[in-house]
N, C-alpha and C. Protein backbone atom coordinates (compact mmCIF):
# COMPACT_ATOMS: atom_id res chain seq x y z
N MET A 1 119.20 106.88 79.31
CA MET A 1 118.07 106.95 79.92
C MET A 1 117.58 108.14 80.59
N GLN A 2 116.51 108.62 80.34
CA GLN A 2 116.02 109.95 80.99
C GLN A 2 115.06 109.50 82.08
N ASN A 3 115.07 110.10 83.29
CA ASN A 3 114.16 109.71 84.33
C ASN A 3 113.93 108.19 84.65
N PRO A 4 115.05 107.51 84.74
CA PRO A 4 114.72 106.12 85.04
C PRO A 4 114.14 105.89 86.52
N GLN A 5 113.32 104.94 86.53
CA GLN A 5 112.63 104.72 87.96
C GLN A 5 112.56 103.18 88.15
N LEU A 6 112.49 102.95 89.43
CA LEU A 6 112.52 101.58 89.95
C LEU A 6 111.33 101.51 90.88
N VAL A 7 110.47 100.49 90.73
CA VAL A 7 109.27 100.26 91.69
C VAL A 7 109.63 98.99 92.38
N LEU A 8 109.55 99.12 93.64
CA LEU A 8 109.60 97.91 94.62
C LEU A 8 108.23 97.79 95.26
N SER A 9 107.81 96.48 95.34
CA SER A 9 106.53 96.12 95.99
C SER A 9 106.71 94.81 96.62
N TRP A 10 105.87 94.63 97.61
CA TRP A 10 105.93 93.39 98.43
C TRP A 10 104.46 93.12 98.99
N THR A 11 104.19 92.06 99.32
CA THR A 11 102.84 91.81 99.80
C THR A 11 102.64 91.71 101.29
N ASN A 12 103.74 91.39 102.05
CA ASN A 12 103.70 91.18 103.40
C ASN A 12 103.84 92.55 104.04
N SER A 13 102.73 93.12 104.68
CA SER A 13 102.77 94.38 105.27
C SER A 13 103.67 94.60 106.57
N ASP A 14 104.14 93.34 107.01
CA ASP A 14 105.06 93.39 108.34
C ASP A 14 106.31 93.92 107.86
N PHE A 15 106.77 93.83 106.64
CA PHE A 15 108.09 94.26 106.20
C PHE A 15 108.08 95.82 105.98
N ARG A 16 109.26 96.36 106.26
CA ARG A 16 109.44 97.84 105.92
C ARG A 16 110.69 97.89 105.10
N LEU A 17 110.66 99.06 104.24
CA LEU A 17 111.73 99.31 103.41
C LEU A 17 112.65 100.23 104.10
N GLN A 18 114.00 99.83 104.20
CA GLN A 18 115.03 100.73 104.77
C GLN A 18 115.96 100.99 103.56
N ALA A 19 116.48 102.33 103.59
CA ALA A 19 117.56 102.70 102.62
C ALA A 19 118.78 103.38 103.26
N ALA A 20 119.87 103.18 102.60
CA ALA A 20 120.99 103.75 103.19
C ALA A 20 122.03 104.07 101.96
N PRO A 21 122.96 105.04 102.18
CA PRO A 21 123.96 105.31 101.08
C PRO A 21 125.02 104.24 101.03
N GLU A 22 125.29 103.53 102.00
CA GLU A 22 126.22 102.60 102.01
C GLU A 22 125.79 101.11 102.49
N ALA A 23 126.30 100.16 102.09
CA ALA A 23 125.92 98.75 102.45
C ALA A 23 126.95 98.17 103.24
N THR A 24 126.68 97.33 104.25
CA THR A 24 127.60 96.62 105.02
C THR A 24 127.29 94.97 104.88
N GLY A 25 127.37 94.65 103.53
CA GLY A 25 126.97 93.29 103.16
C GLY A 25 127.46 92.97 101.83
N ALA A 26 127.08 91.85 101.36
CA ALA A 26 127.60 91.37 100.01
C ALA A 26 126.60 91.62 98.96
N TYR A 27 126.06 92.78 98.88
CA TYR A 27 125.16 93.06 97.83
C TYR A 27 125.34 94.47 97.19
N THR A 28 125.12 94.63 96.14
CA THR A 28 125.28 95.99 95.36
C THR A 28 124.05 96.12 94.30
N ASN A 29 123.88 97.29 93.77
CA ASN A 29 123.10 97.59 92.73
C ASN A 29 123.84 98.16 91.49
N SER A 30 123.10 98.23 90.36
CA SER A 30 123.77 98.76 89.20
C SER A 30 122.90 99.87 88.54
N LEU A 31 122.21 100.52 89.32
CA LEU A 31 121.34 101.67 88.83
C LEU A 31 122.20 102.88 88.70
N THR A 32 121.83 103.78 87.88
CA THR A 32 122.52 105.05 87.65
C THR A 32 122.34 106.04 88.79
N GLY A 33 123.12 106.95 88.89
CA GLY A 33 122.81 107.96 89.91
C GLY A 33 123.66 107.55 91.26
N PRO A 34 123.51 108.32 92.31
CA PRO A 34 124.09 107.98 93.56
C PRO A 34 123.77 106.79 93.96
N ARG A 35 124.69 105.93 94.60
CA ARG A 35 124.39 104.60 95.11
C ARG A 35 123.38 104.65 96.27
N ARG A 36 122.40 103.82 96.24
CA ARG A 36 121.44 103.63 97.34
C ARG A 36 121.36 102.20 97.52
N PHE A 37 121.21 101.68 98.81
CA PHE A 37 121.08 100.18 99.13
C PHE A 37 119.74 100.18 99.79
N PHE A 38 119.10 99.14 99.53
CA PHE A 38 117.73 98.93 100.29
C PHE A 38 117.70 97.63 100.82
N ARG A 39 116.83 97.41 101.87
CA ARG A 39 116.42 96.15 102.29
C ARG A 39 115.16 96.12 102.92
N LEU A 40 114.45 94.98 102.97
CA LEU A 40 113.31 94.81 103.66
C LEU A 40 113.55 94.17 105.15
N VAL A 41 113.01 94.81 106.05
CA VAL A 41 113.15 94.29 107.51
C VAL A 41 111.74 94.05 108.19
N ALA A 42 111.75 93.13 108.97
CA ALA A 42 110.48 92.92 109.81
C ALA A 42 110.76 92.95 111.30
N PRO A 43 109.86 93.47 112.00
CA PRO A 43 110.13 93.64 113.41
C PRO A 43 110.33 92.27 114.12
């Protein structure tokens, strides 16, 4: 694949996207390139 992209969207504007190079939970992703982990958080 060249220039693979992933688009995340959600409808509740209270949630914010957080990203980190490492995860401290039971989830992973299978995208190519450096590992990045994401989660939605609400205040």
